[in-house]
Amino acid sequence: MVEATTTIRDVNGVSLGHTTDAPAKTGCTVIAFDAPALTAAEVRGAAPGTRELDVLAPGRTVQRADAILLTGGSAFGLRAADGVMQALANLGRGVLTPAIPVPIVPAAVIFDLATVQAEIPNPDDGATAFRTATPLSRAEVGQVGVGTGARWGGILGTDATRPGGVAMAQTEAAGGTVTALVVVNAFGVVLPDQDPRQMVLNDPGTRPPFGQNTMLMAVITDVACEHDVLTRMCVAAHDGLARMIWPSHTIADGDVAFASTVNEGPSDPATILPLTIATELVVERAIRAATGM
């Protein structure tokens, strides 16, 4: 039986880079594709910060990403995507238009703004993360990049939060691999001994900090599939999240899932169930790794 593991093998055509600002407790992370990767996305949190997700929706013209940016800095951090776009444009990458190629860089943010924070991810940070991206087996994880200032467990109170961060997990499925990268910055608690949801019911006056948490997930496969399968993988990623973090998808979270394939092609119906189950497993395993649970 093949299990989800945090020992990561390279996926051809995919690399990962970070820019980390430890003093400011923020940063950004770029998933770079050697060629445009068919990608789907799904938002289930109520307080998301995103860019270029509409282009990935069913029925859209493009549905492919040259890179994906995951960044701190709340909505301000979305500007780091400008740097990723420019770095791609310098390589001649992007959707062909009558003028110039236009790189597609979907992006999503976490809230990591400190009380006093002089720096947030900017275009130079995005470009640096892209240019320094390495194969997945050599990529850093932990409190780096977008995970630098990530924390979880806010439902228990500010003083009870614990460090989150970036983690990856991988498994084999349908003749290929499924890899998940997660960023844990959740309002909820990871597999708690005592269900924190009852606390909210017991105290009707509980008011969560608005929009200050988010789980980000990016799932990548090298199995040939079509966009509708990637959409199902996004759903599966959110399912894995919901099993691990209580509560999830709250009004305080901006939970977003991406799913990409580097081997676009007709889907074999027999692969859909294995791919979606593998997605759940790698997301769950990566959340455990990011939180030490």
C-alpha atoms as a PDB file:
ATOM      1  CA  MET A   1       0.000   0.000   0.000  1.00  0.00           C
ATOM      2  CA  VAL A   2       1.361   3.417  -0.977  1.00  0.00           C
ATOM      3  CA  GLU A   3       0.917   6.037   1.732  1.00  0.00           C
ATOM      4  CA  ALA A   4       1.137   9.795   1.624  1.00  0.00           C
ATOM      5  CA  THR A   5       4.620  10.895   2.622  1.00  0.00           C
ATOM      6  CA  THR A   6       6.536  14.097   3.208  1.00  0.00           C
ATOM      7  CA  THR A   7       9.482  12.668   1.280  1.00  0.00           C
ATOM      8  CA  ILE A   8       8.991  14.509  -1.987  1.00  0.00           C
ATOM      9  CA  ARG A   9      10.146  13.411  -5.413  1.00  0.00           C
ATOM     10  CA  ASP A  10      10.514  15.908  -8.212  1.00  0.00           C
ATOM     11  CA  VAL A  11       7.634  16.471 -10.586  1.00  0.00           C
ATOM     12  CA  ASN A  12       8.874  17.235 -14.079  1.00  0.00           C
ATOM     13  CA  GLY A  13       8.145  20.799 -15.085  1.00  0.00           C
ATOM     14  CA  VAL A  14       7.402  22.073 -11.561  1.00  0.00           C
ATOM     15  CA  SER A  15       9.574  24.091  -9.200  1.00  0.00           C
ATOM     16  CA  LEU A  16       9.028  25.977  -5.962  1.00  0.00           C
ATOM     17  CA  GLY A  17      10.576  29.195  -4.702  1.00  0.00           C
ATOM     18  CA  HIS A  18      10.257  31.397  -1.636  1.00  0.00           C
ATOM     19  CA  THR A  19      11.073  34.911  -0.554  1.00  0.00           C
ATOM     20  CA  THR A  20      11.191  35.187   3.237  1.00  0.00           C
ATOM     21  CA  ASP A  21      11.207  38.326   5.382  1.00  0.00           C
ATOM     22  CA  ALA A  22      11.720  36.863   8.849  1.00  0.00           C
ATOM     23  CA  PRO A  23      11.807  40.190  10.771  1.00  0.00           C
ATOM     24  CA  ALA A  24       8.476  41.247   9.255  1.00  0.00           C
ATOM     25  CA  LYS A  25       7.070  37.710   9.585  1.00  0.00           C
ATOM     26  CA  THR A  26       5.861  37.560   6.010  1.00  0.00           C
ATOM     27  CA  GLY A  27       6.902  36.323   2.586  1.00  0.00           C
ATOM     28  CA  CYS A  28       5.697  34.759  -0.630  1.00  0.00           C
ATOM     29  CA  THR A  29       5.939  31.431  -2.424  1.00  0.00           C
ATOM     30  CA  VAL A  30       5.797  30.717  -6.151  1.00  0.00           C
ATOM     31  CA  ILE A  31       4.901  27.436  -7.817  1.00  0.00           C
ATOM     32  CA  ALA A  32       6.487  27.753 -11.261  1.00  0.00           C
ATOM     33  CA  PHE A  33       5.544  25.645 -14.262  1.00  0.00           C
ATOM     34  CA  ASP A  34       7.910  25.119 -17.208  1.00  0.00           C
ATOM     35  CA  ALA A  35       4.872  25.209 -19.502  1.00  0.00           C
ATOM     36  CA  PRO A  36       1.338  26.508 -18.896  1.00  0.00           C
ATOM     37  CA  ALA A  37      -0.403  24.042 -16.579  1.00  0.00           C
ATOM     38  CA  LEU A  38      -4.113  23.320 -16.801  1.00  0.00           C
ATOM     39  CA  THR A  39      -5.414  24.540 -13.442  1.00  0.00           C
ATOM     40  CA  ALA A  40      -8.663  24.765 -11.492  1.00  0.00           C
ATOM     41  CA  ALA A  41      -9.400  26.668  -8.294  1.00  0.00           C
ATOM     42  CA  GLU A  42     -12.125  26.721  -5.685  1.00  0.00           C
ATOM     43  CA  VAL A  43     -12.774  29.178  -2.845  1.00  0.00           C
ATOM     44  CA  ARG A  44     -14.701  28.015   0.231  1.00  0.00           C
ATOM     45  CA  GLY A  45     -13.581  30.475   2.871  1.00  0.00           C
ATOM     46  CA  ALA A  46     -15.696  33.608   3.350  1.00  0.00           C
ATOM     47  CA  ALA A  47     -12.798  36.077   3.456  1.00  0.00           C
ATOM     48  CA  PRO A  48     -10.495  35.318   0.509  1.00  0.00           C
ATOM     49  CA  GLY A  49      -7.908  37.510  -1.123  1.00  0.00           C
ATOM     50  CA  THR A  50      -7.298  36.385  -4.691  1.00  0.00           C
ATOM     51  CA  ARG A  51      -6.248  37.434  -8.182  1.00  0.00           C
ATOM     52  CA  GLU A  52      -6.870  35.846 -11.608  1.00  0.00           C
ATOM     53  CA  LEU A  53      -8.984  32.989 -10.244  1.00  0.00           C
ATOM     54  CA  ASP A  54     -11.891  33.697 -12.609  1.00  0.00           C
ATOM     55  CA  VAL A  55      -9.733  32.745 -15.582  1.00  0.00           C
ATOM     56  CA  LEU A  56      -9.447  29.220 -14.135  1.00  0.00           C
ATOM     57  CA  ALA A  57     -13.188  28.638 -13.796  1.00  0.00           C
ATOM     58  CA  PRO A  58     -15.106  26.065 -15.875  1.00  0.00           C
ATOM     59  CA  GLY A  59     -15.970  27.406 -19.305  1.00  0.00           C
ATOM     60  CA  ARG A  60     -13.211  30.031 -19.383  1.00  0.00           C
ATOM     61  CA  THR A  61     -10.900  30.469 -22.348  1.00  0.00           C
ATOM     62  CA  VAL A  62      -7.474  30.111 -20.735  1.00  0.00           C
ATOM     63  CA  GLN A  63      -7.653  27.845 -17.634  1.00  0.00           C
ATOM     64  CA  ARG A  64      -3.868  27.535 -17.547  1.00  0.00           C
ATOM     65  CA  ALA A  65      -1.315  29.026 -15.197  1.00  0.00           C
ATOM     66  CA  ASP A  66       2.292  29.903 -15.906  1.00  0.00           C
ATOM     67  CA  ALA A  67       2.856  30.107 -12.153  1.00  0.00           C
ATOM     68  CA  ILE A  68       0.841  30.297  -8.932  1.00  0.00           C
ATOM     69  CA  LEU A  69       1.631  32.853  -6.229  1.00  0.00           C
ATOM     70  CA  LEU A  70       0.822  32.213  -2.574  1.00  0.00           C
ATOM     71  CA  THR A  71       1.643  35.251  -0.489  1.00  0.00           C
ATOM     72  CA  GLY A  72       1.439  36.951   2.846  1.00  0.00           C
ATOM     73  CA  GLY A  73       0.544  40.591   3.303  1.00  0.00           C
ATOM     74  CA  SER A  74      -3.214  40.166   2.961  1.00  0.00           C
ATOM     75  CA  ALA A  75      -4.621  41.892  -0.135  1.00  0.00           C
ATOM     76  CA  PHE A  76      -1.562  44.165  -0.276  1.00  0.00           C
ATOM     77  CA  GLY A  77       0.571  41.096  -0.989  1.00  0.00           C
ATOM     78  CA  LEU A  78      -1.201  40.415  -4.270  1.00  0.00           C
ATOM     79  CA  ARG A  79       1.093  43.005  -5.831  1.00  0.00           C
ATOM     80  CA  ALA A  80       3.901  40.411  -5.663  1.00  0.00           C
ATOM     81  CA  ALA A  81       2.209  38.740  -8.643  1.00  0.00           C
ATOM     82  CA  ASP A  82       3.306  41.708 -10.764  1.00  0.00           C
ATOM     83  CA  GLY A  83       6.914  40.670 -10.253  1.00  0.00           C
ATOM     84  CA  VAL A  84       6.196  37.055 -11.187  1.00  0.00           C
ATOM     85  CA  MET A  85       4.403  38.237 -14.311  1.00  0.00           C
ATOM     86  CA  GLN A  86       7.301  40.461 -15.338  1.00  0.00           C
ATOM     87  CA  ALA A  87       9.838  37.699 -14.772  1.00  0.00           C
ATOM     88  CA  LEU A  88       7.756  35.395 -16.970  1.00  0.00           C
ATOM     89  CA  ALA A  89       7.305  38.119 -19.584  1.00  0.00           C
ATOM     90  CA  ASN A  90      11.083  38.559 -19.717  1.00  0.00           C
ATOM     91  CA  LEU A  91      11.241  34.904 -20.773  1.00  0.00           C
ATOM     92  CA  GLY A  92       8.613  35.421 -23.468  1.00  0.00           C
ATOM     93  CA  ARG A  93       6.050  33.391 -21.500  1.00  0.00           C
ATOM     94  CA  GLY A  94       2.317  33.981 -21.473  1.00  0.00           C
ATOM     95  CA  VAL A  95      -0.884  33.788 -23.485  1.00  0.00           C
ATOM     96  CA  LEU A  96      -0.280  35.000 -27.015  1.00  0.00           C
ATOM     97  CA  THR A  97      -2.088  38.224 -27.879  1.00  0.00           C
ATOM     98  CA  PRO A  98      -1.873  40.581 -30.879  1.00  0.00           C
ATOM     99  CA  ALA A  99       0.449  42.740 -28.772  1.00  0.00           C
ATOM    100  CA  ILE A 100       2.650  40.769 -26.349  1.00  0.00           C
ATOM    101  CA  PRO A 101       2.377  37.493 -24.422  1.00  0.00           C
ATOM    102  CA  VAL A 102       0.455  37.924 -21.161  1.00  0.00           C
ATOM    103  CA  PRO A 103       1.601  35.629 -18.328  1.00  0.00           C
ATOM    104  CA  ILE A 104      -1.156  34.131 -16.185  1.00  0.00           C
ATOM    105  CA  VAL A 105      -0.309  34.101 -12.471  1.00  0.00           C
ATOM    106  CA  PRO A 106      -3.270  33.217 -10.235  1.00  0.00           C
ATOM    107  CA  ALA A 107      -2.636  34.309  -6.660  1.00  0.00           C
ATOM    108  CA  ALA A 108      -4.078  33.919  -3.182  1.00  0.00           C
ATOM    109  CA  VAL A 109      -3.118  35.497   0.137  1.00  0.00           C
ATOM    110  CA  ILE A 110      -3.067  34.811   3.843  1.00  0.00           C
ATOM    111  CA  PHE A 111      -3.522  37.422   6.544  1.00  0.00           C
ATOM    112  CA  ASP A 112      -0.227  37.749   8.434  1.00  0.00           C
ATOM    113  CA  LEU A 113      -0.128  41.497   9.066  1.00  0.00           C
ATOM    114  CA  ALA A 114       1.656  42.182  12.340  1.00  0.00           C
ATOM    115  CA  THR A 115       0.644  45.064  14.617  1.00  0.00           C
ATOM    116  CA  VAL A 116       3.612  47.011  13.295  1.00  0.00           C
ATOM    117  CA  GLN A 117       4.941  45.745  10.004  1.00  0.00           C
ATOM    118  CA  ALA A 118       7.088  47.849   7.738  1.00  0.00           C
ATOM    119  CA  GLU A 119       7.309  45.389   4.877  1.00  0.00           C
ATOM    120  CA  ILE A 120       4.867  43.309   2.862  1.00  0.00           C
ATOM    121  CA  PRO A 121       5.614  41.171  -0.192  1.00  0.00           C
ATOM    122  CA  ASN A 122       6.204  43.337  -3.261  1.00  0.00           C
ATOM    123  CA  PRO A 123       6.891  42.716  -6.964  1.00  0.00           C
ATOM    124  CA  ASP A 124      10.625  42.250  -6.353  1.00  0.00           C
ATOM    125  CA  ASP A 125       9.831  39.536  -3.812  1.00  0.00           C
ATOM    126  CA  GLY A 126       7.588  37.753  -6.284  1.00  0.00           C
ATOM    127  CA  ALA A 127      10.219  37.926  -9.009  1.00  0.00           C
ATOM    128  CA  THR A 128      12.917  36.646  -6.653  1.00  0.00           C
ATOM    129  CA  ALA A 129      10.780  33.713  -5.520  1.00  0.00           C
ATOM    130  CA  PHE A 130      10.195  32.811  -9.173  1.00  0.00           C
ATOM    131  CA  ARG A 131      13.838  33.143 -10.215  1.00  0.00           C
ATOM    132  CA  THR A 132      15.130  31.097  -7.268  1.00  0.00           C
ATOM    133  CA  ALA A 133      12.607  28.267  -7.590  1.00  0.00           C
ATOM    134  CA  THR A 134      14.094  24.782  -7.226  1.00  0.00           C
ATOM    135  CA  PRO A 135      12.833  21.261  -7.953  1.00  0.00           C
ATOM    136  CA  LEU A 136      10.325  20.110  -5.336  1.00  0.00           C
ATOM    137  CA  SER A 137      12.709  17.653  -3.695  1.00  0.00           C
ATOM    138  CA  ARG A 138      15.042  20.520  -2.770  1.00  0.00           C
ATOM    139  CA  ALA A 139      12.440  23.118  -1.823  1.00  0.00           C
ATOM    140  CA  GLU A 140      12.302  24.484   1.723  1.00  0.00           C
ATOM    141  CA  VAL A 141       9.276  23.943   3.939  1.00  0.00           C
ATOM    142  CA  GLY A 142       8.287  25.250   7.359  1.00  0.00           C
ATOM    143  CA  GLN A 143       8.029  28.903   8.322  1.00  0.00           C
ATOM    144  CA  VAL A 144       9.388  30.168   5.024  1.00  0.00           C
ATOM    145  CA  GLY A 145       7.868  32.136   2.166  1.00  0.00           C
ATOM    146  CA  VAL A 146       4.137  32.575   2.529  1.00  0.00           C
ATOM    147  CA  GLY A 147       4.265  30.503   5.720  1.00  0.00           C
ATOM    148  CA  THR A 148       6.710  32.776   7.560  1.00  0.00           C
ATOM    149  CA  GLY A 149       4.089  34.466   9.727  1.00  0.00           C
ATOM    150  CA  ALA A 150       1.389  31.806   9.517  1.00  0.00           C
ATOM    151  CA  ARG A 151      -0.390  30.769  12.720  1.00  0.00           C
ATOM    152  CA  TRP A 152      -3.390  28.610  13.555  1.00  0.00           C
ATOM    153  CA  GLY A 153      -5.856  28.073  16.384  1.00  0.00           C
ATOM    154  CA  GLY A 154      -7.206  31.599  16.684  1.00  0.00           C
ATOM    155  CA  ILE A 155     -10.543  30.222  17.827  1.00  0.00           C
ATOM    156  CA  LEU A 156      -8.857  29.506  21.169  1.00  0.00           C
ATOM    157  CA  GLY A 157      -7.721  33.122  21.536  1.00  0.00           C
ATOM    158  CA  THR A 158      -4.774  35.138  20.276  1.00  0.00           C
ATOM    159  CA  ASP A 159      -2.467  33.938  23.050  1.00  0.00           C
ATOM    160  CA  ALA A 160      -3.199  30.304  22.226  1.00  0.00           C
ATOM    161  CA  THR A 161      -2.264  30.362  18.533  1.00  0.00           C
ATOM    162  CA  ARG A 162       0.550  28.160  17.294  1.00  0.00           C
ATOM    163  CA  PRO A 163       2.995  28.512  14.392  1.00  0.00           C
ATOM    164  CA  GLY A 164       1.817  27.199  11.049  1.00  0.00           C
ATOM    165  CA  GLY A 165       3.756  27.296   7.823  1.00  0.00           C
ATOM    166  CA  VAL A 166       4.291  25.588   4.483  1.00  0.00           C
ATOM    167  CA  ALA A 167       4.417  21.817   4.057  1.00  0.00           C
ATOM    168  CA  MET A 168       4.238  19.274   1.253  1.00  0.00           C
ATOM    169  CA  ALA A 169       3.109  15.674   0.954  1.00  0.00           C
ATOM    170  CA  GLN A 170       3.015  13.265  -1.957  1.00  0.00           C
ATOM    171  CA  THR A 171       1.616   9.893  -2.934  1.00  0.00           C
ATOM    172  CA  GLU A 172       1.290   7.654  -5.971  1.00  0.00           C
ATOM    173  CA  ALA A 173      -2.043   7.274  -7.726  1.00  0.00           C
ATOM    174  CA  ALA A 174      -3.406   6.326 -11.141  1.00  0.00           C
ATOM    175  CA  GLY A 175       0.053   5.596 -12.514  1.00  0.00           C
ATOM    176  CA  GLY A 176       1.511   8.931 -11.477  1.00  0.00           C
ATOM    177  CA  THR A 177       1.918  11.187  -8.480  1.00  0.00           C
ATOM    178  CA  VAL A 178      -0.245  13.635  -6.564  1.00  0.00           C
ATOM    179  CA  THR A 179       1.559  16.305  -4.559  1.00  0.00           C
ATOM    180  CA  ALA A 180       0.029  18.829  -2.171  1.00  0.00           C
ATOM    181  CA  LEU A 181       1.496  22.057  -0.870  1.00  0.00           C
ATOM    182  CA  VAL A 182      -0.443  23.569   2.009  1.00  0.00           C
ATOM    183  CA  VAL A 183      -0.177  26.830   3.921  1.00  0.00           C
ATOM    184  CA  VAL A 184      -1.664  26.521   7.412  1.00  0.00           C
ATOM    185  CA  ASN A 185      -2.931  29.820   8.799  1.00  0.00           C
ATOM    186  CA  ALA A 186      -6.296  28.619  10.072  1.00  0.00           C
ATOM    187  CA  PHE A 187      -8.794  30.032  12.552  1.00  0.00           C
ATOM    188  CA  GLY A 188      -9.622  26.500  13.599  1.00  0.00           C
ATOM    189  CA  VAL A 189      -7.645  23.847  15.470  1.00  0.00           C
ATOM    190  CA  VAL A 190      -5.926  20.820  13.945  1.00  0.00           C
ATOM    191  CA  LEU A 191      -7.488  17.572  15.221  1.00  0.00           C
ATOM    192  CA  PRO A 192      -8.253  18.949  18.700  1.00  0.00           C
ATOM    193  CA  ASP A 193      -8.651  16.807  21.804  1.00  0.00           C
ATOM    194  CA  GLN A 194     -11.724  18.869  22.639  1.00  0.00           C
ATOM    195  CA  ASP A 195     -14.028  20.161  19.925  1.00  0.00           C
ATOM    196  CA  PRO A 196     -13.605  23.969  19.899  1.00  0.00           C
ATOM    197  CA  ARG A 197     -16.845  24.472  18.010  1.00  0.00           C
ATOM    198  CA  GLN A 198     -18.806  23.901  21.204  1.00  0.00           C
ATOM    199  CA  MET A 199     -17.007  26.875  22.737  1.00  0.00           C
ATOM    200  CA  VAL A 200     -18.602  29.139  20.168  1.00  0.00           C
ATOM    201  CA  LEU A 201     -22.051  27.743  20.877  1.00  0.00           C
ATOM    202  CA  ASN A 202     -21.520  28.152  24.596  1.00  0.00           C
ATOM    203  CA  ASP A 203     -20.542  31.795  24.128  1.00  0.00           C
ATOM    204  CA  PRO A 204     -22.910  33.389  21.593  1.00  0.00           C
ATOM    205  CA  GLY A 205     -20.954  36.636  21.926  1.00  0.00           C
ATOM    206  CA  THR A 206     -17.859  35.153  20.321  1.00  0.00           C
ATOM    207  CA  ARG A 207     -16.673  37.350  17.458  1.00  0.00           C
ATOM    208  CA  PRO A 208     -13.832  35.965  15.326  1.00  0.00           C
ATOM    209  CA  PRO A 209     -11.227  38.392  13.973  1.00  0.00           C
ATOM    210  CA  PHE A 210     -12.583  39.253  10.544  1.00  0.00           C
ATOM    211  CA  GLY A 211     -10.673  37.748   7.634  1.00  0.00           C
ATOM    212  CA  GLN A 212      -7.468  37.130   9.564  1.00  0.00           C
ATOM    213  CA  ASN A 213      -7.026  33.474   8.700  1.00  0.00           C
ATOM    214  CA  THR A 214      -6.754  31.328   5.596  1.00  0.00           C
ATOM    215  CA  MET A 215      -5.750  27.868   4.417  1.00  0.00           C
ATOM    216  CA  LEU A 216      -4.125  27.743   0.982  1.00  0.00           C
ATOM    217  CA  MET A 217      -3.698  24.467  -0.895  1.00  0.00           C
ATOM    218  CA  ALA A 218      -2.095  23.689  -4.240  1.00  0.00           C
ATOM    219  CA  VAL A 219      -2.340  20.141  -5.576  1.00  0.00           C
ATOM    220  CA  ILE A 220      -0.246  19.065  -8.556  1.00  0.00           C
ATOM    221  CA  THR A 221      -0.440  15.844 -10.534  1.00  0.00           C
ATOM    222  CA  ASP A 222       1.433  14.413 -13.492  1.00  0.00           C
ATOM    223  CA  VAL A 223      -1.487  12.169 -14.397  1.00  0.00           C
ATOM    224  CA  ALA A 224      -3.206  13.095 -17.663  1.00  0.00           C
ATOM    225  CA  CYS A 225      -6.542  14.735 -16.918  1.00  0.00           C
ATOM    226  CA  GLU A 226      -8.986  17.396 -17.982  1.00  0.00           C
ATOM    227  CA  HIS A 227     -10.267  20.478 -16.222  1.00  0.00           C
ATOM    228  CA  ASP A 228     -13.356  18.875 -14.714  1.00  0.00           C
ATOM    229  CA  VAL A 229     -11.170  16.320 -12.928  1.00  0.00           C
ATOM    230  CA  LEU A 230      -9.011  19.108 -11.510  1.00  0.00           C
ATOM    231  CA  THR A 231     -12.183  20.767 -10.236  1.00  0.00           C
ATOM    232  CA  ARG A 232     -13.063  17.548  -8.424  1.00  0.00           C
ATOM    233  CA  MET A 233      -9.558  17.497  -6.963  1.00  0.00           C
ATOM    234  CA  CYS A 234     -10.137  21.003  -5.586  1.00  0.00           C
ATOM    235  CA  VAL A 235     -13.283  19.724  -3.884  1.00  0.00           C
ATOM    236  CA  ALA A 236     -11.300  16.794  -2.468  1.00  0.00           C
ATOM    237  CA  ALA A 237      -8.621  19.168  -1.148  1.00  0.00           C
ATOM    238  CA  HIS A 238     -11.278  21.109   0.754  1.00  0.00           C
ATOM    239  CA  ASP A 239     -12.678  17.809   2.067  1.00  0.00           C
ATOM    240  CA  GLY A 240      -9.263  16.922   3.457  1.00  0.00           C
ATOM    241  CA  LEU A 241      -8.996  20.340   5.056  1.00  0.00           C
ATOM    242  CA  ALA A 242     -12.413  20.035   6.672  1.00  0.00           C
ATOM    243  CA  ARG A 243     -11.518  16.701   8.246  1.00  0.00           C
ATOM    244  CA  MET A 244      -8.290  18.046   9.737  1.00  0.00           C
ATOM    245  CA  ILE A 245      -9.204  21.526  10.960  1.00  0.00           C
ATOM    246  CA  TRP A 246     -12.180  22.284  13.214  1.00  0.00           C
ATOM    247  CA  PRO A 247     -13.942  24.509  12.263  1.00  0.00           C
ATOM    248  CA  SER A 248     -12.990  25.171   8.649  1.00  0.00           C
ATOM    249  CA  HIS A 249     -14.276  27.418   5.848  1.00  0.00           C
ATOM    250  CA  THR A 250     -15.428  29.966   8.424  1.00  0.00           C
ATOM    251  CA  ILE A 251     -16.283  33.637   8.003  1.00  0.00           C
ATOM    252  CA  ALA A 252     -12.781  34.381   9.337  1.00  0.00           C
ATOM    253  CA  ASP A 253     -10.980  32.204   6.752  1.00  0.00           C
ATOM    254  CA  GLY A 254     -10.251  32.693   3.061  1.00  0.00           C
ATOM    255  CA  ASP A 255      -9.656  29.038   2.197  1.00  0.00           C
ATOM    256  CA  VAL A 256      -8.583  28.462  -1.427  1.00  0.00           C
ATOM    257  CA  ALA A 257      -7.592  25.273  -3.283  1.00  0.00           C
ATOM    258  CA  PHE A 258      -5.769  25.005  -6.608  1.00  0.00           C
ATOM    259  CA  ALA A 259      -5.309  21.820  -8.640  1.00  0.00           C
ATOM    260  CA  SER A 260      -2.983  21.589 -11.639  1.00  0.00           C
ATOM    261  CA  THR A 261      -1.744  18.952 -14.034  1.00  0.00           C
ATOM    262  CA  VAL A 262       1.514  19.050 -15.962  1.00  0.00           C
ATOM    263  CA  ASN A 263       0.230  16.363 -18.321  1.00  0.00           C
ATOM    264  CA  GLU A 264      -2.949  17.732 -19.839  1.00  0.00           C
ATOM    265  CA  GLY A 265      -4.960  15.182 -21.775  1.00  0.00           C
ATOM    266  CA  PRO A 266      -8.164  13.145 -21.945  1.00  0.00           C
ATOM    267  CA  SER A 267      -9.160  11.784 -18.565  1.00  0.00           C
ATOM    268  CA  ASP A 268      -9.486   8.068 -17.980  1.00  0.00           C
ATOM    269  CA  PRO A 269     -12.687   7.675 -15.919  1.00  0.00           C
ATOM    270  CA  ALA A 270     -10.928   4.994 -13.908  1.00  0.00           C
ATOM    271  CA  THR A 271      -8.430   7.555 -12.604  1.00  0.00           C
ATOM    272  CA  ILE A 272     -10.907  10.049 -11.172  1.00  0.00           C
ATOM    273  CA  LEU A 273     -11.626   8.285  -7.882  1.00  0.00           C
ATOM    274  CA  PRO A 274      -7.953   7.474  -7.154  1.00  0.00           C
ATOM    275  CA  LEU A 275      -6.922  11.058  -7.935  1.00  0.00           C
ATOM    276  CA  THR A 276      -9.526  12.593  -5.659  1.00  0.00           C
ATOM    277  CA  ILE A 277      -8.817  10.210  -2.790  1.00  0.00           C
ATOM    278  CA  ALA A 278      -5.080  10.775  -3.199  1.00  0.00           C
ATOM    279  CA  THR A 279      -5.737  14.511  -3.028  1.00  0.00           C
ATOM    280  CA  GLU A 280      -7.534  14.140   0.297  1.00  0.00           C
ATOM    281  CA  LEU A 281      -4.706  12.045   1.711  1.00  0.00           C
ATOM    282  CA  VAL A 282      -1.845  14.342   0.682  1.00  0.00           C
ATOM    283  CA  VAL A 283      -3.658  17.443   1.929  1.00  0.00           C
ATOM    284  CA  GLU A 284      -4.299  15.775   5.282  1.00  0.00           C
ATOM    285  CA  ARG A 285      -0.700  14.584   5.536  1.00  0.00           C
ATOM    286  CA  ALA A 286       0.694  17.996   4.621  1.00  0.00           C
ATOM    287  CA  ILE A 287      -1.466  19.708   7.252  1.00  0.00           C
ATOM    288  CA  ARG A 288      -0.096  17.323   9.854  1.00  0.00           C
ATOM    289  CA  ALA A 289       3.432  18.109   8.743  1.00  0.00           C
ATOM    290  CA  ALA A 290       2.897  21.876   8.824  1.00  0.00           C
ATOM    291  CA  THR A 291       1.543  21.755  12.366  1.00  0.00           C
ATOM    292  CA  GLY A 292       3.602  18.956  13.890  1.00  0.00           C
ATOM    293  CA  MET A 293       0.472  16.948  14.618  1.00  0.00           C
END
